[in-house]
């Protein structure tokens, strides 16, 4: 496993998916949930030996969410990094085959590295 390559691929995926959640979703960040924060915490420790400490701010409902999205590195939150409502709901991004192709190419590369 090439860890630097995996980290780079997750970053590229996050760069692709984060704008979908932040601007193209009817309700930005609505899929984010404390359950996924807990999954990220467990994954980060188990796979990367990284302790994620919650950063609670008054009024924030999630421990890693800030204005502009999640503050956890993309490779430490794989479920969140690859998620978009379009992929989850349709299996593709409607009216954007180029984006969809890029998404699945990146995802295949990520799987191949693991």
Protein backbone atom coordinates (compact mmCIF):
# COMPACT_ATOMS: atom_id res chain seq x y z
CA UNK A 1 0.00 0.00 0.00
CA UNK A 2 1.35 3.38 -1.00
CA UNK A 3 0.07 5.61 1.82
CA UNK A 4 1.04 8.87 0.13
CA UNK A 5 -0.87 7.85 -2.99
CA UNK A 6 -3.93 6.83 -0.97
CA UNK A 7 -3.93 10.16 0.86
CA UNK A 8 -3.61 12.00 -2.47
CA UNK A 9 -6.50 10.05 -4.02
CA UNK A 10 -8.77 10.72 -1.04
CA UNK A 11 -7.91 14.41 -1.27
CA UNK A 12 -8.79 14.44 -4.97
CA UNK A 13 -12.08 12.69 -4.21
CA UNK A 14 -12.89 15.19 -1.47
CA UNK A 15 -12.12 18.05 -3.84
CA UNK A 16 -14.66 16.52 -6.22
CA UNK A 17 -17.40 15.62 -3.71
CA UNK A 18 -17.22 18.46 -1.17
CA UNK A 19 -18.65 21.10 -3.53
CA UNK A 20 -21.54 18.75 -4.30
CA UNK A 21 -22.52 18.68 -0.66
CA UNK A 22 -21.80 22.34 0.02
CA UNK A 23 -23.49 23.92 -2.99
CA UNK A 24 -25.36 21.42 -5.15
CA UNK A 25 -27.36 19.73 -2.40
CA UNK A 26 -30.87 20.93 -1.56
CA UNK A 27 -29.90 20.89 2.11
CA UNK A 28 -26.09 21.18 2.48
CA UNK A 29 -24.46 18.75 4.90
CA UNK A 30 -27.81 17.13 5.71
CA UNK A 31 -26.35 13.62 5.29
CA UNK A 32 -23.68 14.34 7.88
CA UNK A 33 -24.45 12.62 11.15
CA UNK A 34 -22.77 11.93 14.49
CA UNK A 35 -22.73 8.22 13.53
CA UNK A 36 -20.35 8.99 10.65
CA UNK A 37 -18.17 11.11 12.92
CA UNK A 38 -17.87 8.09 15.21
CA UNK A 39 -17.05 5.86 12.23
CA UNK A 40 -14.32 8.29 11.21
CA UNK A 41 -12.91 8.33 14.74
CA UNK A 42 -12.72 4.51 14.81
CA UNK A 43 -11.28 4.28 11.26
CA UNK A 44 -8.65 6.95 11.93
CA UNK A 45 -7.41 5.14 15.01
CA UNK A 46 -7.59 1.61 13.60
CA UNK A 47 -6.14 2.23 10.13
CA UNK A 48 -3.98 5.32 10.63
CA UNK A 49 -3.29 5.39 14.39
CA UNK A 50 -4.67 8.92 14.55
CA UNK A 51 -6.77 10.11 17.47
CA UNK A 52 -9.51 12.46 16.35
CA UNK A 53 -10.56 14.79 19.12
CA UNK A 54 -13.99 16.38 18.86
CA UNK A 55 -13.91 20.15 18.58
CA UNK A 56 -17.22 21.20 20.01
CA UNK A 57 -18.40 24.71 19.31
CA UNK A 58 -21.63 26.00 20.73
CA UNK A 59 -24.41 25.57 18.21
CA UNK A 60 -22.55 22.95 16.15
CA UNK A 61 -24.39 19.64 15.98
CA UNK A 62 -21.38 17.60 14.84
CA UNK A 63 -17.95 17.33 16.45
CA UNK A 64 -15.89 17.81 13.27
CA UNK A 65 -18.11 20.13 11.29
CA UNK A 66 -17.23 23.75 10.80
CA UNK A 67 -18.50 26.39 8.46
CA UNK A 68 -17.40 25.15 5.08
CA UNK A 69 -17.52 21.45 5.92
CA UNK A 70 -15.73 18.75 7.83
CA UNK A 71 -12.26 19.43 9.21
CA UNK A 72 -11.14 15.78 9.26
CA UNK A 73 -8.68 14.83 6.52
CA UNK A 74 -10.43 12.96 3.68
CA UNK A 75 -8.51 9.69 4.12
CA UNK A 76 -9.58 9.55 7.77
CA UNK A 77 -13.30 9.68 6.86
CA UNK A 78 -13.64 7.44 3.78
CA UNK A 79 -17.42 7.00 3.93
CA UNK A 80 -17.96 10.74 3.99
CA UNK A 81 -15.33 11.46 1.37
CA UNK A 82 -16.94 9.29 -1.30
CA UNK A 83 -20.55 10.24 -0.50
CA UNK A 84 -22.74 12.47 -2.61
CA UNK A 85 -26.52 12.40 -2.72
CA UNK A 86 -26.48 11.94 -6.50
CA UNK A 87 -24.24 8.86 -6.36
CA UNK A 88 -26.16 7.47 -3.41
CA UNK A 89 -29.56 8.13 -4.94
CA UNK A 90 -29.05 7.63 -8.66
CA UNK A 91 -25.66 5.98 -9.04
CA UNK A 92 -24.50 8.93 -11.15
CA UNK A 93 -24.69 12.72 -11.26
CA UNK A 94 -27.62 13.69 -13.48
CA UNK A 95 -26.69 15.88 -16.44
CA UNK A 96 -22.96 15.58 -15.75
CA UNK A 97 -21.44 12.42 -17.23
CA UNK A 98 -17.94 13.93 -17.13
CA UNK A 99 -18.17 14.44 -13.34
CA UNK A 100 -19.60 10.91 -12.91
CA UNK A 101 -16.78 9.38 -14.97
CA UNK A 102 -14.17 11.24 -12.92
CA UNK A 103 -15.83 10.12 -9.68
CA UNK A 104 -15.82 6.44 -10.59
CA UNK A 105 -12.30 6.60 -12.01
CA UNK A 106 -11.04 8.07 -8.73
CA UNK A 107 -13.01 5.58 -6.67
CA UNK A 108 -11.60 2.66 -8.67
CA UNK A 109 -8.08 4.01 -8.14
CA UNK A 110 -8.71 4.30 -4.40
CA UNK A 111 -9.95 0.71 -4.20
CA UNK A 112 -7.02 -0.52 -6.24
CA UNK A 113 -4.57 1.09 -3.83
CA UNK A 114 -6.14 -0.54 -0.80
